[in-house]
PDB file of N, CA and C in Angstrom:
ATOM      1  N   UNK A   1      -0.306  10.266  10.048  1.00  0.00           N
ATOM      2  CA  UNK A   1      -0.593   9.616  10.703  1.00  0.00           C
ATOM      3  C   UNK A   1      -0.144   8.026  10.744  1.00  0.00           C
ATOM      4  N   UNK A   2       0.304   7.842  11.685  1.00  0.00           N
ATOM      5  CA  UNK A   2       1.331   5.927  11.578  1.00  0.00           C
ATOM      6  C   UNK A   2       0.197   5.294  11.653  1.00  0.00           C
ATOM      7  N   UNK A   3       0.619   4.048  11.060  1.00  0.00           N
ATOM      8  CA  UNK A   3      -0.264   2.960  10.828  1.00  0.00           C
ATOM      9  C   UNK A   3      -0.442   2.081  12.415  1.00  0.00           C
ATOM     10  N   UNK A   4      -1.512   2.127  12.937  1.00  0.00           N
ATOM     11  CA  UNK A   4      -1.634   1.633  14.493  1.00  0.00           C
ATOM     12  C   UNK A   4      -1.814  -0.090  13.989  1.00  0.00           C
ATOM     13  N   UNK A   5      -1.619  -0.663  15.271  1.00  0.00           N
ATOM     14  CA  UNK A   5      -1.760  -2.094  15.173  1.00  0.00           C
ATOM     15  C   UNK A   5      -3.078  -2.521  14.935  1.00  0.00           C
ATOM     16  N   UNK A   6      -4.202  -1.871  15.096  1.00  0.00           N
ATOM     17  CA  UNK A   6      -5.443  -2.301  15.081  1.00  0.00           C
ATOM     18  C   UNK A   6      -5.830  -2.064  13.465  1.00  0.00           C
ATOM     19  N   UNK A   7      -5.288  -1.030  12.853  1.00  0.00           N
ATOM     20  CA  UNK A   7      -5.429  -0.948  11.641  1.00  0.00           C
ATOM     21  C   UNK A   7      -4.482  -1.902  10.386  1.00  0.00           C
ATOM     22  N   UNK A   8      -3.845  -2.289  11.040  1.00  0.00           N
ATOM     23  CA  UNK A   8      -2.371  -2.922  10.390  1.00  0.00           C
ATOM     24  C   UNK A   8      -3.112  -4.824  10.292  1.00  0.00           C
ATOM     25  N   UNK A   9      -3.912  -4.673  11.415  1.00  0.00           N
ATOM     26  CA  UNK A   9      -4.554  -6.360  11.470  1.00  0.00           C
ATOM     27  C   UNK A   9      -5.610  -6.324  11.031  1.00  0.00           C
ATOM     28  N   UNK A  10      -6.278  -5.213  10.672  1.00  0.00           N
ATOM     29  CA  UNK A  10      -7.718  -5.102   9.934  1.00  0.00           C
ATOM     30  C   UNK A  10      -7.302  -5.089   8.330  1.00  0.00           C
ATOM     31  N   UNK A  11      -6.089  -4.698   8.005  1.00  0.00           N
ATOM     32  CA  UNK A  11      -5.872  -4.751   6.704  1.00  0.00           C
ATOM     33  C   UNK A  11      -5.214  -6.130   6.455  1.00  0.00           C
ATOM     34  N   UNK A  12      -4.413  -6.945   7.427  1.00  0.00           N
ATOM     35  CA  UNK A  12      -4.332  -8.502   7.393  1.00  0.00           C
ATOM     36  C   UNK A  12      -5.371  -9.313   7.116  1.00  0.00           C
ATOM     37  N   UNK A  13      -6.196  -9.012   8.117  1.00  0.00           N
ATOM     38  CA  UNK A  13      -7.752  -9.801   7.973  1.00  0.00           C
ATOM     39  C   UNK A  13      -8.311  -9.774   6.707  1.00  0.00           C
ATOM     40  N   UNK A  14      -7.889  -8.479   5.777  1.00  0.00           N
ATOM     41  CA  UNK A  14      -9.082  -8.283   4.736  1.00  0.00           C
ATOM     42  C   UNK A  14      -8.354  -8.751   3.655  1.00  0.00           C
ATOM     43  N   UNK A  15      -6.668  -8.870   3.594  1.00  0.00           N
ATOM     44  CA  UNK A  15      -5.945  -9.053   2.358  1.00  0.00           C
ATOM     45  C   UNK A  15      -5.354 -10.259   2.510  1.00  0.00           C
ATOM     46  N   UNK A  16      -5.236 -10.946   3.564  1.00  0.00           N
ATOM     47  CA  UNK A  16      -4.312 -11.795   3.953  1.00  0.00           C
ATOM     48  C   UNK A  16      -4.968 -13.100   4.008  1.00  0.00           C
ATOM     49  N   UNK A  17      -4.033 -14.109   3.786  1.00  0.00           N
ATOM     50  CA  UNK A  17      -4.916 -15.635   3.899  1.00  0.00           C
ATOM     51  C   UNK A  17      -5.157 -16.145   5.112  1.00  0.00           C
ATOM     52  N   UNK A  18      -4.477 -15.821   6.076  1.00  0.00           N
ATOM     53  CA  UNK A  18      -4.668 -16.019   7.336  1.00  0.00           C
ATOM     54  C   UNK A  18      -4.864 -14.594   8.450  1.00  0.00           C
ATOM     55  N   UNK A  19      -4.703 -14.584  10.069  1.00  0.00           N
ATOM     56  CA  UNK A  19      -4.389 -13.256  10.651  1.00  0.00           C
ATOM     57  C   UNK A  19      -3.125 -13.269  10.830  1.00  0.00           C
ATOM     58  N   UNK A  20      -2.056 -13.987  10.359  1.00  0.00           N
ATOM     59  CA  UNK A  20      -0.720 -13.706  10.411  1.00  0.00           C
ATOM     60  C   UNK A  20       0.034 -13.503   9.360  1.00  0.00           C
ATOM     61  N   UNK A  21      -0.690 -13.279   8.069  1.00  0.00           N
ATOM     62  CA  UNK A  21      -0.123 -13.365   6.999  1.00  0.00           C
ATOM     63  C   UNK A  21       0.527 -11.739   6.565  1.00  0.00           C
ATOM     64  N   UNK A  22       1.376 -11.573   7.486  1.00  0.00           N
ATOM     65  CA  UNK A  22       2.052  -9.916   6.748  1.00  0.00           C
ATOM     66  C   UNK A  22       2.640 -10.049   5.935  1.00  0.00           C
ATOM     67  N   UNK A  23       3.148 -10.744   5.434  1.00  0.00           N
ATOM     68  CA  UNK A  23       4.324 -10.906   4.390  1.00  0.00           C
ATOM     69  C   UNK A  23       3.753 -11.211   3.145  1.00  0.00           C
ATOM     70  N   UNK A  24       2.615 -11.576   2.928  1.00  0.00           N
ATOM     71  CA  UNK A  24       2.138 -11.432   1.643  1.00  0.00           C
ATOM     72  C   UNK A  24       1.920 -10.695   0.627  1.00  0.00           C
ATOM     73  N   UNK A  25       1.896 -10.294  -0.559  1.00  0.00           N
ATOM     74  CA  UNK A  25       2.443  -9.525  -1.749  1.00  0.00           C
ATOM     75  C   UNK A  25       0.960  -8.720  -1.184  1.00  0.00           C
ATOM     76  N   UNK A  26      -0.355  -9.396  -1.415  1.00  0.00           N
ATOM     77  CA  UNK A  26      -1.328  -8.487  -1.325  1.00  0.00           C
ATOM     78  C   UNK A  26      -1.474  -7.315   0.093  1.00  0.00           C
ATOM     79  N   UNK A  27      -1.089  -8.249   0.664  1.00  0.00           N
ATOM     80  CA  UNK A  27      -0.986  -7.633   2.062  1.00  0.00           C
ATOM     81  C   UNK A  27      -0.026  -6.089   2.269  1.00  0.00           C
ATOM     82  N   UNK A  28       1.158  -6.641   1.768  1.00  0.00           N
ATOM     83  CA  UNK A  28       2.291  -5.295   1.655  1.00  0.00           C
ATOM     84  C   UNK A  28       1.866  -4.418   0.847  1.00  0.00           C
ATOM     85  N   UNK A  29       0.676  -4.824  -0.110  1.00  0.00           N
ATOM     86  CA  UNK A  29       0.618  -3.084  -1.514  1.00  0.00           C
ATOM     87  C   UNK A  29      -0.569  -2.825  -0.080  1.00  0.00           C
ATOM     88  N   UNK A  30      -1.247  -3.428   0.292  1.00  0.00           N
ATOM     89  CA  UNK A  30      -2.261  -2.848   1.126  1.00  0.00           C
ATOM     90  C   UNK A  30      -1.935  -1.892   1.928  1.00  0.00           C
ATOM     91  N   UNK A  31      -0.929  -2.354   2.819  1.00  0.00           N
ATOM     92  CA  UNK A  31      -0.300  -1.779   3.692  1.00  0.00           C
ATOM     93  C   UNK A  31       0.261  -0.542   3.146  1.00  0.00           C
ATOM     94  N   UNK A  32       1.608  -0.493   2.064  1.00  0.00           N
ATOM     95  CA  UNK A  32       1.953   0.327   1.503  1.00  0.00           C
ATOM     96  C   UNK A  32       1.127   1.776   0.737  1.00  0.00           C
ATOM     97  N   UNK A  33       0.003   1.307   0.346  1.00  0.00           N
ATOM     98  CA  UNK A  33      -1.221   2.073  -0.097  1.00  0.00           C
ATOM     99  C   UNK A  33      -1.828   3.129   1.332  1.00  0.00           C
ATOM    100  N   UNK A  34      -1.815   2.209   2.439  1.00  0.00           N
ATOM    101  CA  UNK A  34      -2.779   3.005   3.625  1.00  0.00           C
ATOM    102  C   UNK A  34      -1.625   4.139   4.102  1.00  0.00           C
ATOM    103  N   UNK A  35      -0.301   3.815   4.016  1.00  0.00           N
ATOM    104  CA  UNK A  35       1.234   4.939   4.250  1.00  0.00           C
ATOM    105  C   UNK A  35       1.119   5.606   2.836  1.00  0.00           C
ATOM    106  N   UNK A  36       0.997   5.551   1.932  1.00  0.00           N
ATOM    107  CA  UNK A  36       0.900   6.512   1.156  1.00  0.00           C
ATOM    108  C   UNK A  36       0.131   7.251   0.901  1.00  0.00           C
ATOM    109  N   UNK A  37      -1.447   7.129   1.255  1.00  0.00           N
ATOM    110  CA  UNK A  37      -2.253   7.864   1.290  1.00  0.00           C
ATOM    111  C   UNK A  37      -2.108   8.671   2.142  1.00  0.00           C
ATOM    112  N   UNK A  38      -1.973   8.444   3.715  1.00  0.00           N
ATOM    113  CA  UNK A  38      -1.483   9.126   4.411  1.00  0.00           C
ATOM    114  C   UNK A  38      -0.373  10.321   4.533  1.00  0.00           C
ATOM    115  N   UNK A  39       0.542   9.677   3.634  1.00  0.00           N
ATOM    116  CA  UNK A  39       1.586  10.747   3.274  1.00  0.00           C
ATOM    117  C   UNK A  39       1.067  11.680   2.540  1.00  0.00           C
ATOM    118  N   UNK A  40       0.412  11.403   1.184  1.00  0.00           N
ATOM    119  CA  UNK A  40      -0.186  12.257   0.614  1.00  0.00           C
ATOM    120  C   UNK A  40      -1.114  13.598   1.138  1.00  0.00           C
ATOM    121  N   UNK A  41      -1.877  12.755   2.247  1.00  0.00           N
ATOM    122  CA  UNK A  41      -2.830  13.873   3.023  1.00  0.00           C
ATOM    123  C   UNK A  41      -2.027  14.920   3.558  1.00  0.00           C
ATOM    124  N   UNK A  42      -0.840  14.308   4.389  1.00  0.00           N
ATOM    125  CA  UNK A  42       0.290  15.124   4.950  1.00  0.00           C
ATOM    126  C   UNK A  42       0.968  16.537   3.909  1.00  0.00           C
ATOM    127  N   UNK A  43       1.209  15.849   2.574  1.00  0.00           N
ATOM    128  CA  UNK A  43       1.608  16.795   1.470  1.00  0.00           C
ATOM    129  C   UNK A  43       0.478  17.574   1.125  1.00  0.00           C
ATOM    130  N   UNK A  44      -0.390  17.473   1.154  1.00  0.00           N
ATOM    131  CA  UNK A  44      -1.355  18.901   0.957  1.00  0.00           C
ATOM    132  C   UNK A  44      -1.352  19.834   1.796  1.00  0.00           C
ATOM    133  N   UNK A  45      -1.011  19.738   2.960  1.00  0.00           N
ATOM    134  CA  UNK A  45      -1.266  20.748   3.599  1.00  0.00           C
ATOM    135  C   UNK A  45       0.255  21.146   3.928  1.00  0.00           C
ATOM    136  N   UNK A  46       1.111  20.318   3.557  1.00  0.00           N
ATOM    137  CA  UNK A  46       2.928  21.013   3.743  1.00  0.00           C
ATOM    138  C   UNK A  46       3.738  20.670   2.620  1.00  0.00           C
ATOM    139  N   UNK A  47       3.059  21.181   1.923  1.00  0.00           N
ATOM    140  CA  UNK A  47       3.771  21.348   0.418  1.00  0.00           C
ATOM    141  C   UNK A  47       5.137  21.190  -0.088  1.00  0.00           C
ATOM    142  N   UNK A  48       5.993  21.993   1.350  1.00  0.00           N
ATOM    143  CA  UNK A  48       7.039  22.262   0.656  1.00  0.00           C
ATOM    144  C   UNK A  48       8.073  21.091   1.901  1.00  0.00           C
ATOM    145  N   UNK A  49       7.593  20.120   2.176  1.00  0.00           N
ATOM    146  CA  UNK A  49       8.008  19.159   2.834  1.00  0.00           C
ATOM    147  C   UNK A  49       8.451  18.708   2.339  1.00  0.00           C
ATOM    148  N   UNK A  50      10.278  18.480   1.451  1.00  0.00           N
ATOM    149  CA  UNK A  50      10.509  17.492   1.020  1.00  0.00           C
ATOM    150  C   UNK A  50      11.240  16.412   1.167  1.00  0.00           C
ATOM    151  N   UNK A  51      11.572  15.958   2.533  1.00  0.00           N
ATOM    152  CA  UNK A  51      11.849  14.682   2.987  1.00  0.00           C
ATOM    153  C   UNK A  51      10.657  13.900   3.150  1.00  0.00           C
ATOM    154  N   UNK A  52       9.344  14.234   3.261  1.00  0.00           N
ATOM    155  CA  UNK A  52       8.147  13.039   3.051  1.00  0.00           C
ATOM    156  C   UNK A  52       7.935  13.246   1.732  1.00  0.00           C
ATOM    157  N   UNK A  53       8.078  14.048   0.838  1.00  0.00           N
ATOM    158  CA  UNK A  53       7.963  13.939  -0.269  1.00  0.00           C
ATOM    159  C   UNK A  53       8.988  12.385  -1.141  1.00  0.00           C
ATOM    160  N   UNK A  54      10.386  12.806  -0.735  1.00  0.00           N
ATOM    161  CA  UNK A  54      11.066  11.602  -1.278  1.00  0.00           C
ATOM    162  C   UNK A  54      10.636  10.603  -0.534  1.00  0.00           C
ATOM    163  N   UNK A  55      10.475  10.348   1.065  1.00  0.00           N
ATOM    164  CA  UNK A  55       9.247   8.881   1.446  1.00  0.00           C
ATOM    165  C   UNK A  55       8.379   8.698   0.755  1.00  0.00           C
ATOM    166  N   UNK A  56       7.611   9.315   0.159  1.00  0.00           N
ATOM    167  CA  UNK A  56       6.383   9.037  -0.776  1.00  0.00           C
ATOM    168  C   UNK A  56       6.959   8.050  -1.734  1.00  0.00           C
ATOM    169  N   UNK A  57       7.921   9.073  -2.628  1.00  0.00           N
ATOM    170  CA  UNK A  57       8.269   8.142  -3.846  1.00  0.00           C
ATOM    171  C   UNK A  57       9.195   6.871  -3.498  1.00  0.00           C
ATOM    172  N   UNK A  58       9.823   6.715  -2.585  1.00  0.00           N
ATOM    173  CA  UNK A  58      10.065   5.536  -2.164  1.00  0.00           C
ATOM    174  C   UNK A  58       9.257   4.636  -1.785  1.00  0.00           C
ATOM    175  N   UNK A  59       8.209   4.918  -1.425  1.00  0.00           N
ATOM    176  CA  UNK A  59       7.102   3.949  -0.873  1.00  0.00           C
ATOM    177  C   UNK A  59       6.263   3.854  -2.087  1.00  0.00           C
ATOM    178  N   UNK A  60       6.188   4.856  -2.686  1.00  0.00           N
ATOM    179  CA  UNK A  60       5.275   4.477  -4.461  1.00  0.00           C
ATOM    180  C   UNK A  60       6.069   3.267  -5.446  1.00  0.00           C
ATOM    181  N   UNK A  61       7.275   3.569  -4.825  1.00  0.00           N
ATOM    182  CA  UNK A  61       8.460   2.925  -6.345  1.00  0.00           C
ATOM    183  C   UNK A  61       8.397   1.256  -5.321  1.00  0.00           C
ATOM    184  N   UNK A  62       8.398   0.922  -4.109  1.00  0.00           N
ATOM    185  CA  UNK A  62       8.200  -0.058  -3.588  1.00  0.00           C
ATOM    186  C   UNK A  62       6.666  -0.928  -3.678  1.00  0.00           C
ATOM    187  N   UNK A  63       5.953   0.001  -4.005  1.00  0.00           N
ATOM    188  CA  UNK A  63       4.253  -0.652  -4.296  1.00  0.00           C
ATOM    189  C   UNK A  63       4.301  -1.293  -5.530  1.00  0.00           C
ATOM    190  N   UNK A  64       4.896   0.049  -6.572  1.00  0.00           N
ATOM    191  CA  UNK A  64       4.944  -0.197  -7.898  1.00  0.00           C
ATOM    192  C   UNK A  64       5.552  -1.944  -8.274  1.00  0.00           C
ATOM    193  N   UNK A  65       6.553  -2.104  -7.560  1.00  0.00           N
ATOM    194  CA  UNK A  65       7.905  -3.404  -7.815  1.00  0.00           C
ATOM    195  C   UNK A  65       6.609  -4.494  -7.116  1.00  0.00           C
ATOM    196  N   UNK A  66       6.220  -4.596  -6.290  1.00  0.00           N
ATOM    197  CA  UNK A  66       5.246  -5.449  -5.573  1.00  0.00           C
ATOM    198  C   UNK A  66       3.678  -5.687  -6.476  1.00  0.00           C
ATOM    199  N   UNK A  67       2.922  -4.614  -7.240  1.00  0.00           N
ATOM    200  CA  UNK A  67       2.221  -4.383  -8.131  1.00  0.00           C
ATOM    201  C   UNK A  67       2.642  -5.238  -9.446  1.00  0.00           C
ATOM    202  N   UNK A  68       3.797  -4.652  -9.954  1.00  0.00           N
ATOM    203  CA  UNK A  68       4.377  -5.347 -11.348  1.00  0.00           C
ATOM    204  C   UNK A  68       4.768  -6.994 -10.747  1.00  0.00           C
ATOM    205  N   UNK A  69       5.363  -7.299  -9.460  1.00  0.00           N
ATOM    206  CA  UNK A  69       5.586  -8.751  -9.170  1.00  0.00           C
ATOM    207  C   UNK A  69       4.468  -9.677  -9.500  1.00  0.00           C
ATOM    208  N   UNK A  70       2.704  -9.008  -8.406  1.00  0.00           N
ATOM    209  CA  UNK A  70       1.591  -9.616  -8.365  1.00  0.00           C
ATOM    210  C   UNK A  70       0.809  -9.805  -9.977  1.00  0.00           C
ATOM    211  N   UNK A  71       1.386  -8.997 -10.779  1.00  0.00           N
ATOM    212  CA  UNK A  71       0.580  -8.671 -11.825  1.00  0.00           C
ATOM    213  C   UNK A  71       1.372 -10.058 -12.818  1.00  0.00           C
ATOM    214  N   UNK A  72       2.513 -10.072 -12.253  1.00  0.00           N
ATOM    215  CA  UNK A  72       3.101 -11.313 -13.424  1.00  0.00           C
ATOM    216  C   UNK A  72       2.634 -12.974 -12.791  1.00  0.00           C
ATOM    217  N   UNK A  73       2.322 -12.679 -11.510  1.00  0.00           N
ATOM    218  CA  UNK A  73       2.320 -14.050 -10.775  1.00  0.00           C
ATOM    219  C   UNK A  73       0.620 -14.182 -10.787  1.00  0.00           C
ATOM    220  N   UNK A  74      -0.048 -13.469 -10.244  1.00  0.00           N
ATOM    221  CA  UNK A  74      -1.863 -13.372 -10.101  1.00  0.00           C
ATOM    222  C   UNK A  74      -2.405 -12.463 -10.876  1.00  0.00           C
ATOM    223  N   UNK A  75      -2.723 -12.533 -11.911  1.00  0.00           N
ATOM    224  CA  UNK A  75      -3.159 -11.234 -13.126  1.00  0.00           C
ATOM    225  C   UNK A  75      -4.777 -10.908 -12.602  1.00  0.00           C
ATOM    226  N   UNK A  76      -5.409 -12.080 -12.191  1.00  0.00           N
ATOM    227  CA  UNK A  76      -6.759 -11.797 -11.922  1.00  0.00           C
ATOM    228  C   UNK A  76      -6.833 -11.224 -10.141  1.00  0.00           C
ATOM    229  N   UNK A  77      -5.834 -11.748  -9.425  1.00  0.00           N
ATOM    230  CA  UNK A  77      -5.521 -11.037  -8.039  1.00  0.00           C
ATOM    231  C   UNK A  77      -5.326  -9.665  -8.366  1.00  0.00           C
ATOM    232  N   UNK A  78      -4.252  -9.513  -8.965  1.00  0.00           N
ATOM    233  CA  UNK A  78      -3.929  -8.088  -9.245  1.00  0.00           C
ATOM    234  C   UNK A  78      -5.336  -7.299  -9.734  1.00  0.00           C
ATOM    235  N   UNK A  79      -5.864  -7.472 -10.406  1.00  0.00           N
ATOM    236  CA  UNK A  79      -6.684  -6.487 -11.439  1.00  0.00           C
ATOM    237  C   UNK A  79      -8.044  -6.382 -10.019  1.00  0.00           C
ATOM    238  N   UNK A  80      -8.203  -7.325  -9.133  1.00  0.00           N
ATOM    239  CA  UNK A  80      -8.740  -7.463  -7.999  1.00  0.00           C
ATOM    240  C   UNK A  80      -8.705  -6.384  -7.086  1.00  0.00           C
ATOM    241  N   UNK A  81      -7.469  -6.632  -6.668  1.00  0.00           N
ATOM    242  CA  UNK A  81      -6.831  -5.753  -5.394  1.00  0.00           C
ATOM    243  C   UNK A  81      -6.449  -4.230  -5.926  1.00  0.00           C
ATOM    244  N   UNK A  82      -6.205  -3.433  -7.123  1.00  0.00           N
ATOM    245  CA  UNK A  82      -6.159  -2.558  -7.503  1.00  0.00           C
ATOM    246  C   UNK A  82      -7.629  -1.994  -7.712  1.00  0.00           C
ATOM    247  N   UNK A  83      -8.728  -2.657  -7.859  1.00  0.00           N
ATOM    248  CA  UNK A  83     -10.461  -2.215  -8.403  1.00  0.00           C
ATOM    249  C   UNK A  83     -10.351  -2.082  -6.798  1.00  0.00           C
ATOM    250  N   UNK A  84      -9.895  -2.653  -5.526  1.00  0.00           N
ATOM    251  CA  UNK A  84     -10.421  -2.652  -4.301  1.00  0.00           C
ATOM    252  C   UNK A  84      -9.679  -1.519  -3.583  1.00  0.00           C
ATOM    253  N   UNK A  85      -8.708  -1.500  -3.929  1.00  0.00           N
ATOM    254  CA  UNK A  85      -7.312  -0.269  -3.139  1.00  0.00           C
ATOM    255  C   UNK A  85      -7.760   1.069  -3.891  1.00  0.00           C
ATOM    256  N   UNK A  86      -8.289   0.963  -4.902  1.00  0.00           N
ATOM    257  CA  UNK A  86      -8.588   1.792  -5.738  1.00  0.00           C
ATOM    258  C   UNK A  86      -7.089   2.812  -6.372  1.00  0.00           C
ATOM    259  N   UNK A  87      -6.294   1.840  -6.622  1.00  0.00           N
ATOM    260  CA  UNK A  87      -5.453   2.272  -7.487  1.00  0.00           C
ATOM    261  C   UNK A  87      -5.298   2.427  -9.322  1.00  0.00           C
ATOM    262  N   UNK A  88      -5.039   3.490  -9.751  1.00  0.00           N
ATOM    263  CA  UNK A  88      -4.705   3.711 -11.229  1.00  0.00           C
ATOM    264  C   UNK A  88      -3.575   3.156 -11.307  1.00  0.00           C
ATOM    265  N   UNK A  89      -3.841   2.419 -12.779  1.00  0.00           N
ATOM    266  CA  UNK A  89      -2.460   1.923 -13.332  1.00  0.00           C
ATOM    267  C   UNK A  89      -2.582   2.170 -14.799  1.00  0.00           C
TER     268      UNK A  89
END
């Protein structure tokens, strides 16, 4: 399931500085997490879908890079974000 405008706006409002803050690290991590969860649910039904699996691995790598950057720059924000999103590290 794709991320709708309303869902994206909700994530931006929750994790961004303001309503138009789509580029901040926390917002991008939240959006990637939503997409990763959707692809994970898809792969539970369609285990042989290797194209989706590849896309999932790419998204996880991007999120990992954002999380590493956030941990270097704002460690307290990093800890709060992974606790809020339910990401294990």
